[in-house]
């Protein structure tokens, strides 16, 4: 997809087919999107997930003709405005629902205040801080998950930490499913397929 966002700014709207759509750029909203997309499809059908996410993200109703691009733009925004090159699937190392409290702590420390008290923190600002997380409990957990996924031997202290915090470290969802895989799946859907799915669910 062509570049839609200026990655040197903090966008709060996007132009789709000459219509400017405002969206909720707060990090809490993006976390809600992850939660919806990770729901079992027995609870929420794929087309229903799209509709829920669009309603959560955009502040105005999306024209049916703009659905496909609106979904692409939403996930492009989630990815920091950058189109990712195809990569070999990697094991899931982060579960946003499970890990969010451990992620909030180092980001709050870096910013200098508890981010839960910030009324509106842009997702890209949150993402920038997240990408720079240094040594902390969350980093240790991700490192152990990575080693276990690659079947690498843990150091003695890591093994002890894992045994004492197994419930906190283990991700119980299917390891092959990733947030980025879902982004790719959504971006590959064409407008006709989305329209048909929506019509069937009405």
N, C-alpha and C. Protein backbone atom coordinates (compact mmCIF):
# COMPACT_ATOMS: atom_id res chain seq x y z
N UNK A 1 0.85 -1.20 0.00
CA UNK A 1 0.00 0.00 0.00
C UNK A 1 0.88 1.25 0.00
N UNK A 2 0.49 2.28 -0.76
CA UNK A 2 1.26 3.50 -0.80
C UNK A 2 1.25 4.19 0.56
N UNK A 3 2.19 5.08 0.75
CA UNK A 3 2.33 5.74 2.04
C UNK A 3 1.14 6.65 2.32
N UNK A 4 0.48 6.44 3.45
CA UNK A 4 -0.71 7.21 3.81
C UNK A 4 -0.45 8.16 4.97
N UNK A 5 0.59 7.88 5.75
CA UNK A 5 0.85 8.67 6.95
C UNK A 5 2.24 9.28 6.91
N UNK A 6 2.34 10.48 7.45
CA UNK A 6 3.63 11.12 7.66
C UNK A 6 4.17 10.58 8.97
N UNK A 7 5.21 9.75 8.90
CA UNK A 7 5.72 9.09 10.10
C UNK A 7 6.50 10.03 11.02
N UNK A 8 6.69 11.28 10.59
CA UNK A 8 7.34 12.28 11.45
C UNK A 8 6.31 13.11 12.21
N UNK A 9 5.04 12.78 12.04
CA UNK A 9 3.98 13.48 12.75
C UNK A 9 3.21 12.48 13.60
N UNK A 10 2.19 12.95 14.29
CA UNK A 10 1.32 12.09 15.09
C UNK A 10 -0.10 12.23 14.52
N UNK A 11 -0.40 11.49 13.45
CA UNK A 11 -1.68 11.66 12.74
C UNK A 11 -2.90 11.26 13.57
N UNK A 12 -3.99 11.95 13.32
CA UNK A 12 -5.26 11.62 13.96
C UNK A 12 -6.38 11.52 12.92
N UNK A 13 -5.99 11.53 11.64
CA UNK A 13 -6.98 11.36 10.57
C UNK A 13 -6.27 10.81 9.34
N UNK A 14 -7.07 10.31 8.40
CA UNK A 14 -6.51 9.79 7.15
C UNK A 14 -7.49 10.10 6.03
N UNK A 15 -6.95 10.40 4.85
CA UNK A 15 -7.77 10.71 3.69
C UNK A 15 -7.98 9.45 2.86
N UNK A 16 -9.24 9.08 2.69
CA UNK A 16 -9.60 7.90 1.90
C UNK A 16 -10.59 8.33 0.84
N UNK A 17 -10.19 8.23 -0.41
CA UNK A 17 -11.06 8.60 -1.53
C UNK A 17 -11.65 10.00 -1.35
N UNK A 18 -10.77 10.94 -0.99
CA UNK A 18 -11.13 12.36 -0.83
C UNK A 18 -12.06 12.63 0.36
N UNK A 19 -12.17 11.68 1.27
CA UNK A 19 -12.90 11.91 2.52
C UNK A 19 -11.91 11.82 3.68
N UNK A 20 -11.90 12.83 4.54
CA UNK A 20 -11.00 12.84 5.69
C UNK A 20 -11.70 12.18 6.86
N UNK A 21 -11.15 11.06 7.31
CA UNK A 21 -11.73 10.33 8.43
C UNK A 21 -10.86 10.52 9.68
N UNK A 22 -11.43 11.06 10.73
CA UNK A 22 -10.72 11.16 12.01
C UNK A 22 -10.79 9.82 12.72
N UNK A 23 -9.74 9.52 13.50
CA UNK A 23 -9.73 8.27 14.25
C UNK A 23 -9.19 8.50 15.65
N UNK A 24 -9.40 7.53 16.51
CA UNK A 24 -8.94 7.61 17.90
C UNK A 24 -7.53 7.04 17.97
N UNK A 25 -6.55 7.92 18.13
CA UNK A 25 -5.14 7.51 18.10
C UNK A 25 -4.60 7.10 19.46
N UNK A 26 -5.42 7.15 20.51
CA UNK A 26 -4.95 6.81 21.85
C UNK A 26 -4.54 5.35 21.95
N UNK A 27 -3.49 5.07 22.69
CA UNK A 27 -2.96 3.71 22.78
C UNK A 27 -3.99 2.73 23.33
N UNK A 28 -4.88 3.20 24.19
CA UNK A 28 -5.89 2.30 24.77
C UNK A 28 -6.81 1.73 23.70
N UNK A 29 -7.11 2.55 22.70
CA UNK A 29 -7.98 2.09 21.62
C UNK A 29 -7.30 1.00 20.80
N UNK A 30 -6.02 1.18 20.52
CA UNK A 30 -5.28 0.16 19.78
C UNK A 30 -5.25 -1.15 20.55
N UNK A 31 -5.08 -1.07 21.86
CA UNK A 31 -5.09 -2.28 22.68
C UNK A 31 -6.46 -2.97 22.62
N UNK A 32 -7.53 -2.18 22.53
CA UNK A 32 -8.87 -2.75 22.38
C UNK A 32 -9.00 -3.47 21.05
N UNK A 33 -8.37 -2.91 20.01
CA UNK A 33 -8.41 -3.54 18.69
C UNK A 33 -7.74 -4.91 18.74
N UNK A 34 -6.59 -4.98 19.40
CA UNK A 34 -5.90 -6.26 19.54
C UNK A 34 -6.79 -7.29 20.24
N UNK A 35 -7.49 -6.83 21.26
CA UNK A 35 -8.35 -7.73 22.02
C UNK A 35 -9.46 -8.29 21.13
N UNK A 36 -10.07 -7.43 20.33
CA UNK A 36 -11.14 -7.87 19.43
C UNK A 36 -10.60 -8.86 18.40
N UNK A 37 -9.48 -8.52 17.79
CA UNK A 37 -8.91 -9.37 16.74
C UNK A 37 -8.43 -10.71 17.25
N UNK A 38 -8.09 -10.78 18.53
CA UNK A 38 -7.62 -12.04 19.11
C UNK A 38 -8.74 -12.90 19.66
N UNK A 39 -9.97 -12.42 19.57
CA UNK A 39 -11.10 -13.21 20.06
C UNK A 39 -11.29 -14.45 19.19
N UNK A 40 -11.72 -15.53 19.82
CA UNK A 40 -12.02 -16.76 19.10
C UNK A 40 -13.14 -16.48 18.10
N UNK A 41 -12.99 -17.00 16.89
CA UNK A 41 -14.00 -16.74 15.88
C UNK A 41 -15.32 -17.44 16.17
N UNK A 42 -15.34 -18.30 17.18
CA UNK A 42 -16.60 -18.88 17.61
C UNK A 42 -17.41 -17.83 18.37
N UNK A 43 -16.71 -16.86 18.94
CA UNK A 43 -17.38 -15.78 19.67
C UNK A 43 -17.74 -14.63 18.75
N UNK A 44 -16.86 -14.34 17.78
CA UNK A 44 -17.08 -13.21 16.89
C UNK A 44 -16.54 -13.57 15.51
N UNK A 45 -17.43 -13.52 14.51
CA UNK A 45 -17.03 -13.84 13.15
C UNK A 45 -16.04 -12.81 12.62
N UNK A 46 -15.26 -13.21 11.62
CA UNK A 46 -14.22 -12.34 11.08
C UNK A 46 -14.81 -11.02 10.59
N UNK A 47 -15.91 -11.07 9.83
CA UNK A 47 -16.52 -9.85 9.32
C UNK A 47 -17.01 -8.97 10.47
N UNK A 48 -17.48 -9.60 11.54
CA UNK A 48 -17.94 -8.84 12.71
C UNK A 48 -16.77 -8.16 13.39
N UNK A 49 -15.61 -8.81 13.41
CA UNK A 49 -14.42 -8.21 14.00
C UNK A 49 -14.05 -6.93 13.25
N UNK A 50 -14.12 -6.99 11.92
CA UNK A 50 -13.80 -5.81 11.12
C UNK A 50 -14.72 -4.66 11.49
N UNK A 51 -16.00 -4.96 11.56
CA UNK A 51 -16.98 -3.92 11.86
C UNK A 51 -16.77 -3.31 13.24
N UNK A 52 -16.51 -4.17 14.23
CA UNK A 52 -16.27 -3.68 15.59
C UNK A 52 -15.02 -2.81 15.63
N UNK A 53 -13.96 -3.25 14.97
CA UNK A 53 -12.70 -2.49 14.97
C UNK A 53 -12.87 -1.13 14.30
N UNK A 54 -13.59 -1.11 13.18
CA UNK A 54 -13.81 0.16 12.48
C UNK A 54 -14.59 1.13 13.36
N UNK A 55 -15.58 0.63 14.08
CA UNK A 55 -16.37 1.48 14.96
C UNK A 55 -15.54 2.00 16.14
N UNK A 56 -14.63 1.17 16.64
CA UNK A 56 -13.77 1.58 17.74
C UNK A 56 -12.74 2.61 17.29
N UNK A 57 -12.22 2.41 16.10
CA UNK A 57 -11.09 3.22 15.62
C UNK A 57 -11.52 4.55 15.02
N UNK A 58 -12.46 4.49 14.10
CA UNK A 58 -12.88 5.71 13.41
C UNK A 58 -13.99 6.44 14.16
N UNK A 59 -13.98 7.76 14.10
CA UNK A 59 -14.95 8.56 14.84
C UNK A 59 -16.23 8.80 14.06
N UNK A 60 -16.23 8.45 12.78
CA UNK A 60 -17.43 8.62 11.94
C UNK A 60 -17.70 7.32 11.18
N UNK A 61 -18.90 7.18 10.71
CA UNK A 61 -19.28 5.99 9.94
C UNK A 61 -18.47 5.94 8.65
N UNK A 62 -17.98 4.76 8.31
CA UNK A 62 -17.21 4.58 7.10
C UNK A 62 -18.13 4.24 5.94
N UNK A 63 -17.93 4.92 4.82
CA UNK A 63 -18.71 4.59 3.63
C UNK A 63 -18.37 3.17 3.19
N UNK A 64 -19.38 2.45 2.72
CA UNK A 64 -19.15 1.06 2.30
C UNK A 64 -18.05 0.98 1.24
N UNK A 65 -18.03 1.95 0.34
CA UNK A 65 -17.02 1.96 -0.72
C UNK A 65 -15.61 2.14 -0.17
N UNK A 66 -15.50 2.64 1.06
CA UNK A 66 -14.19 2.93 1.66
C UNK A 66 -13.75 1.86 2.66
N UNK A 67 -14.58 0.82 2.86
CA UNK A 67 -14.28 -0.18 3.90
C UNK A 67 -12.89 -0.80 3.74
N UNK A 68 -12.58 -1.27 2.53
CA UNK A 68 -11.32 -1.98 2.33
C UNK A 68 -10.12 -1.12 2.68
N UNK A 69 -10.11 0.12 2.16
CA UNK A 69 -8.97 0.99 2.43
C UNK A 69 -8.96 1.45 3.88
N UNK A 70 -10.14 1.60 4.48
CA UNK A 70 -10.21 2.01 5.89
C UNK A 70 -9.56 0.95 6.77
N UNK A 71 -9.78 -0.31 6.46
CA UNK A 71 -9.16 -1.40 7.23
C UNK A 71 -7.66 -1.41 7.02
N UNK A 72 -7.23 -1.23 5.76
CA UNK A 72 -5.79 -1.19 5.48
C UNK A 72 -5.12 -0.05 6.24
N UNK A 73 -5.76 1.12 6.22
CA UNK A 73 -5.18 2.28 6.90
C UNK A 73 -5.14 2.08 8.41
N UNK A 74 -6.16 1.44 8.96
CA UNK A 74 -6.18 1.18 10.39
C UNK A 74 -4.99 0.32 10.80
N UNK A 75 -4.72 -0.72 10.03
CA UNK A 75 -3.62 -1.60 10.39
C UNK A 75 -2.27 -1.02 10.02
N UNK A 76 -2.24 -0.16 9.02
CA UNK A 76 -1.02 0.55 8.70
C UNK A 76 -0.67 1.48 9.86
N UNK A 77 -1.68 2.14 10.42
CA UNK A 77 -1.48 3.00 11.58
C UNK A 77 -0.96 2.19 12.77
N UNK A 78 -1.58 1.04 13.03
CA UNK A 78 -1.16 0.19 14.15
C UNK A 78 0.30 -0.20 14.00
N UNK A 79 0.74 -0.36 12.76
CA UNK A 79 2.13 -0.78 12.50
C UNK A 79 3.08 0.41 12.47
N UNK A 80 2.64 1.57 12.95
CA UNK A 80 3.53 2.72 13.01
C UNK A 80 3.65 3.47 11.71
N UNK A 81 2.74 3.20 10.76
CA UNK A 81 2.77 3.90 9.47
C UNK A 81 3.66 3.27 8.44
N UNK A 82 4.31 2.18 8.79
CA UNK A 82 5.25 1.54 7.87
C UNK A 82 4.68 0.22 7.34
N UNK A 83 4.85 0.00 6.03
CA UNK A 83 4.44 -1.26 5.42
C UNK A 83 5.56 -2.26 5.64
N UNK A 84 5.24 -3.35 6.29
CA UNK A 84 6.27 -4.35 6.61
C UNK A 84 6.57 -5.24 5.43
N UNK A 85 7.84 -5.57 5.28
CA UNK A 85 8.22 -6.55 4.28
C UNK A 85 7.84 -7.94 4.81
N UNK A 86 7.60 -8.84 3.88
CA UNK A 86 7.23 -10.19 4.30
C UNK A 86 8.42 -10.86 5.00
N UNK A 87 8.11 -11.45 6.14
CA UNK A 87 9.15 -12.13 6.91
C UNK A 87 8.67 -13.55 7.25
N UNK A 88 9.63 -14.40 7.52
CA UNK A 88 9.29 -15.74 7.95
C UNK A 88 8.53 -15.66 9.28
N UNK A 89 7.41 -16.39 9.39
CA UNK A 89 6.62 -16.35 10.64
C UNK A 89 7.49 -16.64 11.86
N UNK A 90 7.27 -15.86 12.91
CA UNK A 90 8.02 -16.00 14.15
C UNK A 90 7.08 -16.40 15.28
N UNK A 91 7.59 -17.05 16.32
CA UNK A 91 6.74 -17.41 17.46
C UNK A 91 6.21 -16.17 18.15
N UNK A 92 5.03 -16.28 18.73
CA UNK A 92 4.43 -15.16 19.43
C UNK A 92 5.14 -14.96 20.76
N UNK A 93 5.69 -13.77 20.96
CA UNK A 93 6.46 -13.48 22.17
C UNK A 93 5.75 -12.50 23.09
N UNK A 94 4.71 -11.84 22.58
CA UNK A 94 3.99 -10.85 23.39
C UNK A 94 2.49 -11.12 23.29
N UNK A 95 1.84 -11.13 24.44
CA UNK A 95 0.38 -11.21 24.52
C UNK A 95 -0.07 -9.92 25.18
N UNK A 96 -0.68 -9.01 24.41
CA UNK A 96 -0.99 -7.69 24.94
C UNK A 96 -1.88 -7.75 26.16
N UNK A 97 -2.89 -8.63 26.14
CA UNK A 97 -3.78 -8.74 27.31
C UNK A 97 -3.01 -9.20 28.54
N UNK A 98 -2.16 -10.18 28.36
CA UNK A 98 -1.43 -10.78 29.47
C UNK A 98 -0.31 -9.87 29.97
N UNK A 99 0.31 -9.14 29.04
CA UNK A 99 1.54 -8.42 29.36
C UNK A 99 1.37 -6.93 29.61
N UNK A 100 0.20 -6.38 29.35
CA UNK A 100 0.07 -4.92 29.34
C UNK A 100 0.53 -4.26 30.64
N UNK A 101 0.22 -4.84 31.79
CA UNK A 101 0.63 -4.21 33.06
C UNK A 101 2.15 -4.18 33.19
N UNK A 102 2.81 -5.22 32.68
CA UNK A 102 4.27 -5.27 32.74
C UNK A 102 4.90 -4.32 31.71
N UNK A 103 4.15 -4.01 30.65
CA UNK A 103 4.63 -3.08 29.63
C UNK A 103 4.45 -1.63 30.11
N UNK A 104 3.35 -1.38 30.78
CA UNK A 104 3.06 -0.02 31.26
C UNK A 104 4.15 0.48 32.20
N UNK A 105 4.65 -0.39 33.07
CA UNK A 105 5.63 0.03 34.08
C UNK A 105 6.89 0.65 33.47
N UNK A 106 7.61 -0.04 32.55
CA UNK A 106 8.83 0.57 32.01
C UNK A 106 8.56 1.78 31.13
N UNK A 107 7.42 1.80 30.43
CA UNK A 107 7.10 2.96 29.60
C UNK A 107 6.82 4.17 30.50
N UNK A 108 6.08 3.95 31.57
CA UNK A 108 5.79 5.03 32.52
C UNK A 108 7.09 5.57 33.13
N UNK A 109 8.00 4.67 33.44
CA UNK A 109 9.29 5.08 34.02
C UNK A 109 10.07 5.94 33.03
N UNK A 110 10.04 5.54 31.76
CA UNK A 110 10.77 6.28 30.73
C UNK A 110 10.17 7.66 30.51
N UNK A 111 8.84 7.74 30.48
CA UNK A 111 8.15 9.01 30.24
C UNK A 111 8.23 9.92 31.46
N UNK A 112 8.27 9.31 32.66
CA UNK A 112 8.36 10.10 33.88
C UNK A 112 7.05 10.27 34.60
N UNK A 113 6.03 9.55 34.16
CA UNK A 113 4.74 9.55 34.85
C UNK A 113 3.95 8.32 34.42
N UNK A 114 2.99 7.94 35.24
CA UNK A 114 2.16 6.78 34.94
C UNK A 114 1.30 7.10 33.72
N UNK A 115 1.50 6.35 32.64
CA UNK A 115 0.79 6.66 31.40
C UNK A 115 -0.72 6.45 31.52
N UNK A 116 -1.15 5.70 32.54
CA UNK A 116 -2.58 5.51 32.74
C UNK A 116 -3.26 6.81 33.15
N UNK A 117 -2.47 7.75 33.62
CA UNK A 117 -3.01 9.05 34.01
C UNK A 117 -2.98 10.08 32.89
N UNK A 118 -2.39 9.70 31.75
CA UNK A 118 -2.35 10.60 30.60
C UNK A 118 -3.64 10.43 29.81
N UNK A 119 -4.38 11.50 29.65
CA UNK A 119 -5.71 11.41 29.04
C UNK A 119 -5.66 10.87 27.62
N UNK A 120 -4.70 11.32 26.84
CA UNK A 120 -4.60 10.87 25.45
C UNK A 120 -3.13 10.70 25.07
N UNK A 121 -2.68 9.49 25.00
CA UNK A 121 -1.30 9.19 24.61
C UNK A 121 -1.33 8.52 23.24
N UNK A 122 -0.80 9.19 22.25
CA UNK A 122 -0.82 8.69 20.87
C UNK A 122 -0.17 7.31 20.80
N UNK A 123 -0.77 6.42 20.03
CA UNK A 123 -0.25 5.06 19.88
C UNK A 123 1.19 5.05 19.41
N UNK A 124 1.55 5.98 18.51
CA UNK A 124 2.92 6.00 18.01
C UNK A 124 3.90 6.41 19.09
N UNK A 125 3.49 7.29 19.98
CA UNK A 125 4.35 7.67 21.11
C UNK A 125 4.53 6.47 22.03
N UNK A 126 3.43 5.77 22.29
CA UNK A 126 3.48 4.56 23.10
C UNK A 126 4.38 3.53 22.43
N UNK A 127 4.21 3.36 21.12
CA UNK A 127 4.98 2.36 20.37
C UNK A 127 6.46 2.68 20.37
N UNK A 128 6.80 3.96 20.25
CA UNK A 128 8.21 4.37 20.27
C UNK A 128 8.86 4.01 21.60
N UNK A 129 8.15 4.29 22.69
CA UNK A 129 8.67 3.94 24.01
C UNK A 129 8.76 2.42 24.18
N UNK A 130 7.76 1.73 23.66
CA UNK A 130 7.73 0.26 23.75
C UNK A 130 8.95 -0.35 23.05
N UNK A 131 9.29 0.18 21.89
CA UNK A 131 10.40 -0.36 21.11
C UNK A 131 11.74 -0.13 21.79
N UNK A 132 11.79 0.80 22.74
CA UNK A 132 13.05 1.13 23.41
C UNK A 132 13.11 0.61 24.85
N UNK A 133 12.18 -0.29 25.20
CA UNK A 133 12.18 -0.85 26.55
C UNK A 133 13.53 -1.53 26.84
N UNK A 134 14.13 -1.16 27.93
CA UNK A 134 15.42 -1.74 28.30
C UNK A 134 15.25 -2.89 29.29
N UNK A 135 16.23 -3.05 30.16
CA UNK A 135 16.19 -4.13 31.14
C UNK A 135 15.05 -3.92 32.13
N UNK A 136 14.18 -4.91 32.21
CA UNK A 136 13.05 -4.86 33.14
C UNK A 136 12.43 -6.26 33.18
N UNK A 137 11.44 -6.43 34.00
CA UNK A 137 10.79 -7.73 34.14
C UNK A 137 10.20 -8.21 32.80
N UNK A 138 9.55 -7.27 32.08
CA UNK A 138 8.95 -7.64 30.80
C UNK A 138 10.01 -8.11 29.81
N UNK A 139 11.15 -7.41 29.74
CA UNK A 139 12.22 -7.80 28.83
C UNK A 139 12.75 -9.19 29.17
N UNK A 140 12.84 -9.48 30.46
CA UNK A 140 13.29 -10.80 30.90
C UNK A 140 12.30 -11.88 30.44
N UNK A 141 11.03 -11.60 30.60
CA UNK A 141 9.99 -12.56 30.21
C UNK A 141 10.04 -12.83 28.71
N UNK A 142 10.17 -11.77 27.91
CA UNK A 142 10.22 -11.93 26.45
C UNK A 142 11.47 -12.71 26.05
N UNK A 143 12.59 -12.44 26.71
CA UNK A 143 13.83 -13.15 26.41
C UNK A 143 13.68 -14.65 26.69
N UNK A 144 13.05 -14.99 27.79
CA UNK A 144 12.85 -16.40 28.13
C UNK A 144 11.89 -17.05 27.14
N UNK A 145 10.82 -16.35 26.78
CA UNK A 145 9.89 -16.88 25.77
C UNK A 145 10.62 -17.16 24.46
N UNK A 146 11.47 -16.22 24.07
CA UNK A 146 12.21 -16.37 22.82
C UNK A 146 13.14 -17.58 22.87
N UNK A 147 13.86 -17.73 23.97
CA UNK A 147 14.77 -18.88 24.10
C UNK A 147 14.02 -20.20 24.08
N UNK A 148 12.89 -20.24 24.77
CA UNK A 148 12.11 -21.47 24.81
C UNK A 148 11.52 -21.80 23.44
N UNK A 149 11.11 -20.77 22.71
CA UNK A 149 10.55 -20.98 21.38
C UNK A 149 11.61 -21.52 20.42
N UNK A 150 12.87 -21.10 20.65
CA UNK A 150 13.98 -21.56 19.80
C UNK A 150 14.66 -22.81 20.37
N UNK A 151 14.09 -23.31 21.49
CA UNK A 151 14.63 -24.50 22.17
C UNK A 151 16.09 -24.28 22.60
N UNK A 152 16.38 -23.05 23.03
CA UNK A 152 17.71 -22.74 23.54
C UNK A 152 17.74 -22.97 25.05
N UNK A 153 18.88 -23.33 25.55
CA UNK A 153 19.03 -23.60 26.98
C UNK A 153 18.98 -22.30 27.78
N UNK A 154 18.19 -22.32 28.85
CA UNK A 154 18.12 -21.16 29.73
C UNK A 154 19.29 -21.16 30.71
N UNK A 155 19.72 -19.97 31.09
CA UNK A 155 20.73 -19.87 32.14
C UNK A 155 20.08 -20.34 33.44
N UNK A 156 20.89 -20.70 34.42
CA UNK A 156 20.36 -21.22 35.68
C UNK A 156 19.36 -20.24 36.32
N UNK A 157 19.69 -18.93 36.32
CA UNK A 157 18.80 -17.96 36.95
C UNK A 157 17.51 -17.82 36.14
N UNK A 158 17.62 -17.98 34.80
CA UNK A 158 16.42 -17.90 33.96
C UNK A 158 15.51 -19.10 34.21
N UNK A 159 16.13 -20.26 34.36
CA UNK A 159 15.36 -21.47 34.64
C UNK A 159 14.62 -21.34 35.96
N UNK A 160 15.30 -20.79 36.96
CA UNK A 160 14.68 -20.57 38.27
C UNK A 160 13.54 -19.56 38.15
N UNK A 161 13.79 -18.47 37.41
CA UNK A 161 12.78 -17.44 37.22
C UNK A 161 11.56 -18.03 36.50
N UNK A 162 11.81 -18.86 35.50
CA UNK A 162 10.71 -19.47 34.75
C UNK A 162 9.86 -20.37 35.64
N UNK A 163 10.49 -21.20 36.43
CA UNK A 163 9.76 -22.12 37.29
C UNK A 163 8.91 -21.36 38.31
N UNK A 164 9.44 -20.22 38.78
CA UNK A 164 8.72 -19.44 39.79
C UNK A 164 7.61 -18.57 39.19
N UNK A 165 7.69 -18.34 37.86
CA UNK A 165 6.74 -17.42 37.23
C UNK A 165 6.15 -18.01 35.93
N UNK A 166 6.00 -19.30 35.92
CA UNK A 166 5.57 -19.98 34.69
C UNK A 166 4.23 -19.46 34.16
N UNK A 167 3.27 -19.25 35.05
CA UNK A 167 1.95 -18.77 34.61
C UNK A 167 2.03 -17.39 33.98
N UNK A 168 3.00 -16.62 34.44
CA UNK A 168 3.18 -15.27 33.91
C UNK A 168 3.88 -15.28 32.56
N UNK A 169 4.71 -16.28 32.35
CA UNK A 169 5.53 -16.33 31.13
C UNK A 169 4.86 -17.09 29.99
N UNK A 170 4.27 -18.22 30.27
CA UNK A 170 3.68 -19.04 29.21
C UNK A 170 2.51 -18.33 28.54
N UNK A 171 2.49 -18.37 27.23
CA UNK A 171 1.36 -17.85 26.45
C UNK A 171 0.53 -19.05 26.04
N UNK A 172 -0.69 -19.08 26.49
CA UNK A 172 -1.52 -20.26 26.29
C UNK A 172 -2.23 -20.29 24.95
N UNK A 173 -2.21 -19.18 24.21
CA UNK A 173 -2.84 -19.17 22.89
C UNK A 173 -1.95 -19.91 21.90
N UNK A 174 -2.48 -20.21 20.71
CA UNK A 174 -1.71 -20.93 19.69
C UNK A 174 -0.48 -20.13 19.32
N UNK A 175 0.67 -20.74 19.39
CA UNK A 175 1.93 -20.02 19.19
C UNK A 175 2.10 -19.49 17.78
N UNK A 176 1.49 -20.14 16.81
CA UNK A 176 1.68 -19.74 15.42
C UNK A 176 0.86 -18.51 15.04
N UNK A 177 -0.07 -18.09 15.90
CA UNK A 177 -0.92 -16.95 15.58
C UNK A 177 -0.24 -15.69 16.09
N UNK A 178 -0.10 -14.69 15.23
CA UNK A 178 0.54 -13.44 15.61
C UNK A 178 -0.33 -12.26 15.25
N UNK A 179 -0.14 -11.16 15.97
CA UNK A 179 -0.87 -9.94 15.63
C UNK A 179 -0.51 -9.50 14.21
N UNK A 180 0.75 -9.63 13.84
CA UNK A 180 1.17 -9.17 12.53
C UNK A 180 0.60 -10.05 11.42
N UNK A 181 0.42 -11.33 11.71
CA UNK A 181 -0.20 -12.21 10.72
C UNK A 181 -1.62 -11.75 10.44
N UNK A 182 -2.31 -11.32 11.49
CA UNK A 182 -3.69 -10.86 11.32
C UNK A 182 -3.71 -9.56 10.53
N UNK A 183 -2.72 -8.70 10.75
CA UNK A 183 -2.64 -7.46 9.98
C UNK A 183 -2.49 -7.79 8.49
N UNK A 184 -1.61 -8.73 8.19
CA UNK A 184 -1.37 -9.10 6.80
C UNK A 184 -2.63 -9.69 6.18
N UNK A 185 -3.31 -10.53 6.95
CA UNK A 185 -4.54 -11.15 6.46
C UNK A 185 -5.57 -10.09 6.11
N UNK A 186 -5.71 -9.07 6.97
CA UNK A 186 -6.68 -8.01 6.72
C UNK A 186 -6.29 -7.17 5.50
N UNK A 187 -5.02 -6.86 5.38
CA UNK A 187 -4.57 -6.03 4.27
C UNK A 187 -4.75 -6.71 2.92
N UNK A 188 -4.71 -8.03 2.90
CA UNK A 188 -4.82 -8.76 1.64
C UNK A 188 -6.26 -8.90 1.17
N UNK A 189 -7.22 -8.61 2.05
CA UNK A 189 -8.62 -8.71 1.65
C UNK A 189 -8.97 -7.58 0.69
N UNK A 190 -9.65 -7.93 -0.41
CA UNK A 190 -10.05 -6.87 -1.33
C UNK A 190 -11.43 -6.34 -0.97
N UNK A 191 -11.78 -5.24 -1.58
CA UNK A 191 -13.02 -4.56 -1.23
C UNK A 191 -14.25 -5.43 -1.46
N UNK A 192 -14.25 -6.19 -2.53
CA UNK A 192 -15.41 -7.02 -2.85
C UNK A 192 -15.64 -8.07 -1.78
N UNK A 193 -14.56 -8.69 -1.30
CA UNK A 193 -14.69 -9.75 -0.28
C UNK A 193 -15.27 -9.18 1.01
N UNK A 194 -14.84 -7.99 1.39
CA UNK A 194 -15.32 -7.36 2.62
C UNK A 194 -16.80 -7.02 2.49
N UNK A 195 -17.19 -6.46 1.33
CA UNK A 195 -18.60 -6.12 1.11
C UNK A 195 -19.49 -7.35 1.22
N UNK A 196 -19.03 -8.44 0.58
CA UNK A 196 -19.82 -9.68 0.61
C UNK A 196 -19.98 -10.20 2.02
N UNK A 197 -18.89 -10.14 2.81
CA UNK A 197 -18.94 -10.64 4.18
C UNK A 197 -19.91 -9.81 5.02
N UNK A 198 -19.90 -8.49 4.79
CA UNK A 198 -20.78 -7.61 5.56
C UNK A 198 -22.24 -7.87 5.19
N UNK A 199 -22.50 -8.04 3.90
CA UNK A 199 -23.87 -8.28 3.46
C UNK A 199 -24.42 -9.58 4.04
N UNK A 200 -23.58 -10.61 4.12
CA UNK A 200 -24.02 -11.91 4.65
C UNK A 200 -24.37 -11.82 6.11
N UNK A 201 -23.67 -10.94 6.84
CA UNK A 201 -23.91 -10.83 8.28
C UNK A 201 -25.09 -9.93 8.62
N UNK A 202 -25.59 -9.18 7.64
CA UNK A 202 -26.73 -8.28 7.92
C UNK A 202 -28.02 -9.07 7.98
